[in-house]
Amino acid sequence: MATAQKSHTELNPIQVSLLRLFNRPMSESETLALRKVLVDHYSALLKEEVTRVVAEKGYTQKDFDDMLNGD
Protein backbone atom coordinates (compact mmCIF):
# COMPACT_ATOMS: atom_id res chain seq x y z
CA MET A 1 0.00 0.00 0.00
CA ALA A 2 1.41 3.38 -1.04
CA THR A 3 1.80 6.04 1.58
CA ALA A 4 0.87 9.61 0.84
CA GLN A 5 3.75 12.03 0.91
CA LYS A 6 3.26 15.08 3.07
CA SER A 7 3.52 18.14 0.87
CA HIS A 8 5.86 20.87 2.00
CA THR A 9 3.92 24.06 2.69
CA GLU A 10 6.34 26.10 4.79
CA LEU A 11 7.73 29.15 2.99
CA ASN A 12 11.48 29.67 2.95
CA PRO A 13 12.97 33.06 3.90
CA ILE A 14 13.31 34.18 0.26
CA GLN A 15 9.66 33.41 -0.44
CA VAL A 16 8.55 35.37 2.63
CA SER A 17 10.79 38.27 1.62
CA LEU A 18 9.33 38.31 -1.90
CA LEU A 19 5.78 38.23 -0.57
CA ARG A 20 6.53 41.24 1.63
CA LEU A 21 8.30 43.07 -1.18
CA PHE A 22 5.41 42.64 -3.60
CA ASN A 23 2.60 43.13 -1.11
CA ARG A 24 1.34 46.18 -2.99
CA PRO A 25 -0.88 46.90 -5.95
CA MET A 26 0.80 46.23 -9.30
CA SER A 27 -0.37 46.98 -12.80
CA GLU A 28 -0.64 44.28 -15.44
CA SER A 29 2.49 45.64 -17.14
CA GLU A 30 4.45 45.53 -13.86
CA THR A 31 3.31 41.95 -13.28
CA LEU A 32 4.35 40.92 -16.79
CA ALA A 33 7.72 42.67 -16.44
CA LEU A 34 8.37 40.89 -13.16
CA ARG A 35 7.43 37.53 -14.66
CA LYS A 36 9.80 38.22 -17.57
CA VAL A 37 12.64 38.94 -15.13
CA LEU A 38 12.01 35.62 -13.37
CA VAL A 39 11.68 33.65 -16.60
CA ASP A 40 14.88 35.21 -17.98
CA HIS A 41 16.72 34.41 -14.75
CA TYR A 42 15.66 30.76 -14.68
CA SER A 43 16.23 30.43 -18.42
CA ALA A 44 19.83 31.59 -17.95
CA LEU A 45 20.34 29.11 -15.09
CA LEU A 46 18.95 26.29 -17.22
CA LYS A 47 21.17 27.24 -20.16
CA GLU A 48 24.24 27.19 -17.88
CA GLU A 49 23.27 23.76 -16.54
CA VAL A 50 22.65 22.33 -20.01
CA THR A 51 25.96 23.74 -21.25
CA ARG A 52 27.75 22.18 -18.28
CA VAL A 53 26.13 18.78 -18.76
CA VAL A 54 26.78 18.78 -22.53
CA ALA A 55 30.46 19.56 -21.90
CA GLU A 56 30.66 17.00 -19.09
CA LYS A 57 29.09 14.25 -21.22
CA GLY A 58 30.97 15.30 -24.35
CA TYR A 59 27.82 15.40 -26.49
CA THR A 60 28.21 16.48 -30.10
CA GLN A 61 25.68 17.70 -32.64
CA LYS A 62 25.66 14.18 -34.08
CA ASP A 63 24.67 12.81 -30.67
CA PHE A 64 21.73 15.22 -30.51
CA ASP A 65 20.71 14.38 -34.08
CA ASP A 66 20.82 10.68 -33.23
CA MET A 67 18.69 11.27 -30.10
CA LEU A 68 16.12 13.19 -32.12
CA ASN A 69 15.98 10.52 -34.81
CA GLY A 70 15.76 7.64 -32.33
CA ASP A 71 19.08 6.11 -33.40
PDB file of N, CA and C in Angstrom:
ATOM      1  N   MET A   1       0.832  -1.172   0.000  1.00  0.00           N
ATOM      2  CA  MET A   1       0.000   0.000   0.000  1.00  0.00           C
ATOM      3  C   MET A   1       0.885   1.246   0.000  1.00  0.00           C
ATOM      4  N   ALA A   2       0.610   2.164  -0.929  1.00  0.00           N
ATOM      5  CA  ALA A   2       1.405   3.378  -1.045  1.00  0.00           C
ATOM      6  C   ALA A   2       1.042   4.349   0.063  1.00  0.00           C
ATOM      7  N   THR A   3       2.058   5.027   0.550  1.00  0.00           N
ATOM      8  CA  THR A   3       1.804   6.038   1.577  1.00  0.00           C
ATOM      9  C   THR A   3       1.803   7.416   0.925  1.00  0.00           C
ATOM     10  N   ALA A   4       0.940   8.256   1.385  1.00  0.00           N
ATOM     11  CA  ALA A   4       0.865   9.613   0.843  1.00  0.00           C
ATOM     12  C   ALA A   4       2.035  10.427   1.376  1.00  0.00           C
ATOM     13  N   GLN A   5       2.674  11.160   0.481  1.00  0.00           N
ATOM     14  CA  GLN A   5       3.755  12.032   0.910  1.00  0.00           C
ATOM     15  C   GLN A   5       3.169  13.341   1.411  1.00  0.00           C
ATOM     16  N   LYS A   6       3.711  13.802   2.512  1.00  0.00           N
ATOM     17  CA  LYS A   6       3.262  15.081   3.066  1.00  0.00           C
ATOM     18  C   LYS A   6       3.853  16.192   2.207  1.00  0.00           C
ATOM     19  N   SER A   7       3.002  17.050   1.690  1.00  0.00           N
ATOM     20  CA  SER A   7       3.515  18.142   0.865  1.00  0.00           C
ATOM     21  C   SER A   7       4.115  19.220   1.761  1.00  0.00           C
ATOM     22  N   HIS A   8       5.143  19.840   1.255  1.00  0.00           N
ATOM     23  CA  HIS A   8       5.861  20.874   1.996  1.00  0.00           C
ATOM     24  C   HIS A   8       5.153  22.203   1.781  1.00  0.00           C
ATOM     25  N   THR A   9       4.661  22.810   2.828  1.00  0.00           N
ATOM     26  CA  THR A   9       3.921  24.057   2.690  1.00  0.00           C
ATOM     27  C   THR A   9       4.594  25.249   3.373  1.00  0.00           C
ATOM     28  N   GLU A  10       5.650  25.015   4.098  1.00  0.00           N
ATOM     29  CA  GLU A  10       6.338  26.104   4.785  1.00  0.00           C
ATOM     30  C   GLU A  10       7.118  26.943   3.779  1.00  0.00           C
ATOM     31  N   LEU A  11       6.995  28.260   3.876  1.00  0.00           N
ATOM     32  CA  LEU A  11       7.732  29.152   2.986  1.00  0.00           C
ATOM     33  C   LEU A  11       9.151  29.342   3.492  1.00  0.00           C
ATOM     34  N   ASN A  12      10.104  29.398   2.546  1.00  0.00           N
ATOM     35  CA  ASN A  12      11.478  29.668   2.947  1.00  0.00           C
ATOM     36  C   ASN A  12      11.668  31.184   3.085  1.00  0.00           C
ATOM     37  N   PRO A  13      12.770  31.629   3.655  1.00  0.00           N
ATOM     38  CA  PRO A  13      12.965  33.063   3.897  1.00  0.00           C
ATOM     39  C   PRO A  13      12.895  33.923   2.629  1.00  0.00           C
ATOM     40  N   ILE A  14      13.374  33.423   1.518  1.00  0.00           N
ATOM     41  CA  ILE A  14      13.309  34.185   0.263  1.00  0.00           C
ATOM     42  C   ILE A  14      11.859  34.375  -0.167  1.00  0.00           C
ATOM     43  N   GLN A  15      11.064  33.315  -0.065  1.00  0.00           N
ATOM     44  CA  GLN A  15       9.655  33.414  -0.444  1.00  0.00           C
ATOM     45  C   GLN A  15       8.921  34.433   0.431  1.00  0.00           C
ATOM     46  N   VAL A  16       9.181  34.406   1.712  1.00  0.00           N
ATOM     47  CA  VAL A  16       8.555  35.367   2.628  1.00  0.00           C
ATOM     48  C   VAL A  16       8.988  36.785   2.257  1.00  0.00           C
ATOM     49  N   SER A  17      10.266  36.962   1.991  1.00  0.00           N
ATOM     50  CA  SER A  17      10.789  38.274   1.618  1.00  0.00           C
ATOM     51  C   SER A  17      10.126  38.779   0.333  1.00  0.00           C
ATOM     52  N   LEU A  18       9.971  37.918  -0.647  1.00  0.00           N
ATOM     53  CA  LEU A  18       9.330  38.310  -1.904  1.00  0.00           C
ATOM     54  C   LEU A  18       7.863  38.670  -1.690  1.00  0.00           C
ATOM     55  N   LEU A  19       7.178  37.910  -0.857  1.00  0.00           N
ATOM     56  CA  LEU A  19       5.781  38.235  -0.568  1.00  0.00           C
ATOM     57  C   LEU A  19       5.666  39.617   0.071  1.00  0.00           C
ATOM     58  N   ARG A  20       6.552  39.916   0.980  1.00  0.00           N
ATOM     59  CA  ARG A  20       6.531  41.237   1.627  1.00  0.00           C
ATOM     60  C   ARG A  20       6.871  42.344   0.623  1.00  0.00           C
ATOM     61  N   LEU A  21       7.861  42.075  -0.208  1.00  0.00           N
ATOM     62  CA  LEU A  21       8.304  43.068  -1.183  1.00  0.00           C
ATOM     63  C   LEU A  21       7.204  43.419  -2.175  1.00  0.00           C
ATOM     64  N   PHE A  22       6.430  42.419  -2.586  1.00  0.00           N
ATOM     65  CA  PHE A  22       5.411  42.643  -3.601  1.00  0.00           C
ATOM     66  C   PHE A  22       3.999  42.705  -3.031  1.00  0.00           C
ATOM     67  N   ASN A  23       3.895  42.985  -1.749  1.00  0.00           N
ATOM     68  CA  ASN A  23       2.595  43.131  -1.111  1.00  0.00           C
ATOM     69  C   ASN A  23       2.093  44.556  -1.327  1.00  0.00           C
ATOM     70  N   ARG A  24       1.837  44.858  -2.596  1.00  0.00           N
ATOM     71  CA  ARG A  24       1.345  46.178  -2.985  1.00  0.00           C
ATOM     72  C   ARG A  24       0.630  46.025  -4.318  1.00  0.00           C
ATOM     73  N   PRO A  25      -0.212  46.980  -4.646  1.00  0.00           N
ATOM     74  CA  PRO A  25      -0.880  46.901  -5.950  1.00  0.00           C
ATOM     75  C   PRO A  25       0.132  47.001  -7.092  1.00  0.00           C
ATOM     76  N   MET A  26      -0.066  46.180  -8.121  1.00  0.00           N
ATOM     77  CA  MET A  26       0.796  46.225  -9.303  1.00  0.00           C
ATOM     78  C   MET A  26      -0.078  46.215 -10.547  1.00  0.00           C
ATOM     79  N   SER A  27       0.350  46.966 -11.531  1.00  0.00           N
ATOM     80  CA  SER A  27      -0.370  46.982 -12.801  1.00  0.00           C
ATOM     81  C   SER A  27      -0.065  45.692 -13.566  1.00  0.00           C
ATOM     82  N   GLU A  28      -0.860  45.460 -14.583  1.00  0.00           N
ATOM     83  CA  GLU A  28      -0.639  44.284 -15.436  1.00  0.00           C
ATOM     84  C   GLU A  28       0.750  44.337 -16.074  1.00  0.00           C
ATOM     85  N   SER A  29       1.168  45.525 -16.499  1.00  0.00           N
ATOM     86  CA  SER A  29       2.487  45.640 -17.139  1.00  0.00           C
ATOM     87  C   SER A  29       3.610  45.385 -16.136  1.00  0.00           C
ATOM     88  N   GLU A  30       3.447  45.830 -14.885  1.00  0.00           N
ATOM     89  CA  GLU A  30       4.451  45.531 -13.856  1.00  0.00           C
ATOM     90  C   GLU A  30       4.522  44.030 -13.588  1.00  0.00           C
ATOM     91  N   THR A  31       3.357  43.398 -13.522  1.00  0.00           N
ATOM     92  CA  THR A  31       3.312  41.953 -13.283  1.00  0.00           C
ATOM     93  C   THR A  31       4.001  41.202 -14.411  1.00  0.00           C
ATOM     94  N   LEU A  32       3.724  41.577 -15.648  1.00  0.00           N
ATOM     95  CA  LEU A  32       4.348  40.916 -16.794  1.00  0.00           C
ATOM     96  C   LEU A  32       5.860  41.150 -16.816  1.00  0.00           C
ATOM     97  N   ALA A  33       6.285  42.372 -16.475  1.00  0.00           N
ATOM     98  CA  ALA A  33       7.718  42.674 -16.441  1.00  0.00           C
ATOM     99  C   ALA A  33       8.424  41.835 -15.382  1.00  0.00           C
ATOM    100  N   LEU A  34       7.787  41.704 -14.225  1.00  0.00           N
ATOM    101  CA  LEU A  34       8.368  40.895 -13.157  1.00  0.00           C
ATOM    102  C   LEU A  34       8.458  39.423 -13.568  1.00  0.00           C
ATOM    103  N   ARG A  35       7.402  38.918 -14.180  1.00  0.00           N
ATOM    104  CA  ARG A  35       7.429  37.530 -14.660  1.00  0.00           C
ATOM    105  C   ARG A  35       8.546  37.331 -15.672  1.00  0.00           C
ATOM    106  N   LYS A  36       8.730  38.323 -16.566  1.00  0.00           N
ATOM    107  CA  LYS A  36       9.797  38.215 -17.569  1.00  0.00           C
ATOM    108  C   LYS A  36      11.164  38.146 -16.900  1.00  0.00           C
ATOM    109  N   VAL A  37      11.365  38.968 -15.874  1.00  0.00           N
ATOM    110  CA  VAL A  37      12.644  38.936 -15.135  1.00  0.00           C
ATOM    111  C   VAL A  37      12.887  37.540 -14.565  1.00  0.00           C
ATOM    112  N   LEU A  38      11.867  36.959 -13.955  1.00  0.00           N
ATOM    113  CA  LEU A  38      12.013  35.619 -13.365  1.00  0.00           C
ATOM    114  C   LEU A  38      12.252  34.554 -14.431  1.00  0.00           C
ATOM    115  N   VAL A  39      11.499  34.621 -15.520  1.00  0.00           N
ATOM    116  CA  VAL A  39      11.682  33.649 -16.601  1.00  0.00           C
ATOM    117  C   VAL A  39      13.078  33.780 -17.197  1.00  0.00           C
ATOM    118  N   ASP A  40      13.530  35.006 -17.432  1.00  0.00           N
ATOM    119  CA  ASP A  40      14.878  35.213 -17.978  1.00  0.00           C
ATOM    120  C   ASP A  40      15.941  34.664 -17.039  1.00  0.00           C
ATOM    121  N   HIS A  41      15.757  34.892 -15.744  1.00  0.00           N
ATOM    122  CA  HIS A  41      16.717  34.405 -14.746  1.00  0.00           C
ATOM    123  C   HIS A  41      16.806  32.876 -14.777  1.00  0.00           C
ATOM    124  N   TYR A  42      15.642  32.219 -14.700  1.00  0.00           N
ATOM    125  CA  TYR A  42      15.656  30.756 -14.679  1.00  0.00           C
ATOM    126  C   TYR A  42      16.066  30.169 -16.026  1.00  0.00           C
ATOM    127  N   SER A  43      15.788  30.867 -17.104  1.00  0.00           N
ATOM    128  CA  SER A  43      16.233  30.429 -18.425  1.00  0.00           C
ATOM    129  C   SER A  43      17.763  30.449 -18.504  1.00  0.00           C
ATOM    130  N   ALA A  44      18.373  31.496 -17.964  1.00  0.00           N
ATOM    131  CA  ALA A  44      19.835  31.593 -17.953  1.00  0.00           C
ATOM    132  C   ALA A  44      20.447  30.481 -17.096  1.00  0.00           C
ATOM    133  N   LEU A  45      19.839  30.204 -15.945  1.00  0.00           N
ATOM    134  CA  LEU A  45      20.335  29.114 -15.094  1.00  0.00           C
ATOM    135  C   LEU A  45      20.238  27.773 -15.804  1.00  0.00           C
ATOM    136  N   LEU A  46      19.129  27.546 -16.493  1.00  0.00           N
ATOM    137  CA  LEU A  46      18.946  26.293 -17.223  1.00  0.00           C
ATOM    138  C   LEU A  46      19.968  26.170 -18.349  1.00  0.00           C
ATOM    139  N   LYS A  47      20.195  27.258 -19.068  1.00  0.00           N
ATOM    140  CA  LYS A  47      21.172  27.239 -20.160  1.00  0.00           C
ATOM    141  C   LYS A  47      22.567  26.895 -19.628  1.00  0.00           C
ATOM    142  N   GLU A  48      22.944  27.496 -18.497  1.00  0.00           N
ATOM    143  CA  GLU A  48      24.243  27.190 -17.883  1.00  0.00           C
ATOM    144  C   GLU A  48      24.338  25.713 -17.521  1.00  0.00           C
ATOM    145  N   GLU A  49      23.277  25.173 -16.949  1.00  0.00           N
ATOM    146  CA  GLU A  49      23.270  23.761 -16.541  1.00  0.00           C
ATOM    147  C   GLU A  49      23.367  22.845 -17.750  1.00  0.00           C
ATOM    148  N   VAL A  50      22.611  23.150 -18.793  1.00  0.00           N
ATOM    149  CA  VAL A  50      22.653  22.327 -20.012  1.00  0.00           C
ATOM    150  C   VAL A  50      24.046  22.395 -20.631  1.00  0.00           C
ATOM    151  N   THR A  51      24.609  23.582 -20.691  1.00  0.00           N
ATOM    152  CA  THR A  51      25.958  23.739 -21.248  1.00  0.00           C
ATOM    153  C   THR A  51      26.967  22.923 -20.450  1.00  0.00           C
ATOM    154  N   ARG A  52      26.836  22.952 -19.131  1.00  0.00           N
ATOM    155  CA  ARG A  52      27.754  22.185 -18.279  1.00  0.00           C
ATOM    156  C   ARG A  52      27.602  20.688 -18.520  1.00  0.00           C
ATOM    157  N   VAL A  53      26.369  20.213 -18.577  1.00  0.00           N
ATOM    158  CA  VAL A  53      26.130  18.777 -18.765  1.00  0.00           C
ATOM    159  C   VAL A  53      26.600  18.331 -20.141  1.00  0.00           C
ATOM    160  N   VAL A  54      26.337  19.124 -21.173  1.00  0.00           N
ATOM    161  CA  VAL A  54      26.778  18.777 -22.526  1.00  0.00           C
ATOM    162  C   VAL A  54      28.296  18.658 -22.560  1.00  0.00           C
ATOM    163  N   ALA A  55      28.993  19.603 -21.938  1.00  0.00           N
ATOM    164  CA  ALA A  55      30.458  19.557 -21.896  1.00  0.00           C
ATOM    165  C   ALA A  55      30.936  18.356 -21.084  1.00  0.00           C
ATOM    166  N   GLU A  56      30.288  18.112 -19.954  1.00  0.00           N
ATOM    167  CA  GLU A  56      30.663  16.996 -19.085  1.00  0.00           C
ATOM    168  C   GLU A  56      30.484  15.650 -19.787  1.00  0.00           C
ATOM    169  N   LYS A  57      29.384  15.509 -20.519  1.00  0.00           N
ATOM    170  CA  LYS A  57      29.091  14.250 -21.218  1.00  0.00           C
ATOM    171  C   LYS A  57      29.799  14.159 -22.567  1.00  0.00           C
ATOM    172  N   GLY A  58      30.283  15.295 -23.068  1.00  0.00           N
ATOM    173  CA  GLY A  58      30.965  15.301 -24.348  1.00  0.00           C
ATOM    174  C   GLY A  58      30.030  15.110 -25.536  1.00  0.00           C
ATOM    175  N   TYR A  59      28.779  15.545 -25.393  1.00  0.00           N
ATOM    176  CA  TYR A  59      27.821  15.401 -26.486  1.00  0.00           C
ATOM    177  C   TYR A  59      28.221  16.267 -27.672  1.00  0.00           C
ATOM    178  N   THR A  60      27.969  15.752 -28.859  1.00  0.00           N
ATOM    179  CA  THR A  60      28.215  16.483 -30.096  1.00  0.00           C
ATOM    180  C   THR A  60      26.877  16.699 -30.795  1.00  0.00           C
ATOM    181  N   GLN A  61      26.899  17.490 -31.866  1.00  0.00           N
ATOM    182  CA  GLN A  61      25.677  17.704 -32.643  1.00  0.00           C
ATOM    183  C   GLN A  61      25.162  16.388 -33.191  1.00  0.00           C
ATOM    184  N   LYS A  62      26.074  15.494 -33.579  1.00  0.00           N
ATOM    185  CA  LYS A  62      25.664  14.181 -34.082  1.00  0.00           C
ATOM    186  C   LYS A  62      24.916  13.403 -33.000  1.00  0.00           C
ATOM    187  N   ASP A  63      25.365  13.478 -31.774  1.00  0.00           N
ATOM    188  CA  ASP A  63      24.668  12.805 -30.667  1.00  0.00           C
ATOM    189  C   ASP A  63      23.237  13.326 -30.532  1.00  0.00           C
ATOM    190  N   PHE A  64      23.074  14.644 -30.620  1.00  0.00           N
ATOM    191  CA  PHE A  64      21.733  15.216 -30.512  1.00  0.00           C
ATOM    192  C   PHE A  64      20.863  14.810 -31.693  1.00  0.00           C
ATOM    193  N   ASP A  65      21.451  14.813 -32.889  1.00  0.00           N
ATOM    194  CA  ASP A  65      20.707  14.383 -34.075  1.00  0.00           C
ATOM    195  C   ASP A  65      20.262  12.934 -33.925  1.00  0.00           C
ATOM    196  N   ASP A  66      21.162  12.094 -33.432  1.00  0.00           N
ATOM    197  CA  ASP A  66      20.820  10.681 -33.228  1.00  0.00           C
ATOM    198  C   ASP A  66      19.699  10.531 -32.195  1.00  0.00           C
ATOM    199  N   MET A  67      19.749  11.326 -31.121  1.00  0.00           N
ATOM    200  CA  MET A  67      18.686  11.266 -30.098  1.00  0.00           C
ATOM    201  C   MET A  67      17.339  11.665 -30.689  1.00  0.00           C
ATOM    202  N   LEU A  68      17.360  12.714 -31.507  1.00  0.00           N
ATOM    203  CA  LEU A  68      16.116  13.187 -32.116  1.00  0.00           C
ATOM    204  C   LEU A  68      15.544  12.189 -33.118  1.00  0.00           C
ATOM    205  N   ASN A  69      16.428  11.472 -33.786  1.00  0.00           N
ATOM    206  CA  ASN A  69      15.983  10.516 -34.806  1.00  0.00           C
ATOM    207  C   ASN A  69      15.779   9.119 -34.252  1.00  0.00           C
ATOM    208  N   GLY A  70      15.983   8.936 -32.950  1.00  0.00           N
ATOM    209  CA  GLY A  70      15.762   7.644 -32.329  1.00  0.00           C
ATOM    210  C   GLY A  70      16.817   6.603 -32.666  1.00  0.00           C
ATOM    211  N   ASP A  71      17.989   7.054 -33.067  1.00  0.00           N
ATOM    212  CA  ASP A  71      19.080   6.114 -33.403  1.00  0.00           C
ATOM    213  C   ASP A  71      19.842   5.693 -32.177  1.00  0.00           C
TER     214      ASP A  71
END
